[in-house]
């Protein structure tokens, strides 16, 4: 099931206001990779800001934005139509039954940005989705993604004292507050409260993310036939350490 803040059109419309281009160094990091690839699959693309920027920067190859949320894809498609906006997921491919099923041997680069990898909550989900990434890659392709490093304990900052305020659609003030709701093993549950000027109250979305450590992550990659070629702890490509914010991974088919 897609979280509420991605599935509802009113909340999807807010996404780019809170996660605008270059709100994080990851944007330029991934853009450089996309610009060097001929065919790119962005898994969990959301509103597709990465593909949109790549096209605006002159990318002339194939750009596919894959996401299970029609509302998020609609936002991206309104901004730029010259992308393959694809409603679907890795396991099934496009949800359109005429589209041919899961991707196979089709992409030089598969990316999963914005911590999208953390939505896979069970070992089975991790295994099957990594296997689908492996299947989607060309023999010399690569998979690049990031997941929050549990050693940095990012969830400790998800509290009402960290309220974000931005200028939302049509110049209205929008706010977002994250609240930690529970920890169970490597699963972290939190809520996100959104409010837009003119609404009669907040809209609340509940989410759960998985925080895999690097040892288990690399084990799953190996099982899927993916060899880690590099890992970093932050977007400047500093070495991965126990308390690094990120686990940024480059992997290739074995």
Foldseek 3Di string as FASTA:
>chain_A
DDWPLQADLVSLQFVCQVVPQPPDLVLVLVLVVVLPWQAEEEFQCFLVPSVVVNVVVPRDHAAEYEHQHPSRPVNNCVVPVPHNDARDHLQFGGPPPVPPGHAALATQEYEYEPQNLFQQPDLVSLLRNLLSVQRNHHQNHKYKYKHFAVLQVVLVPQAQVPKDWGQGPPRWIKIKGKAWDDDDPQKTKIKIWMDTPPDPGTDIIIGITGRDHPVVSCVSNVSSQKAWPAWALGSVRHHDDNNRGMTITMIGGD
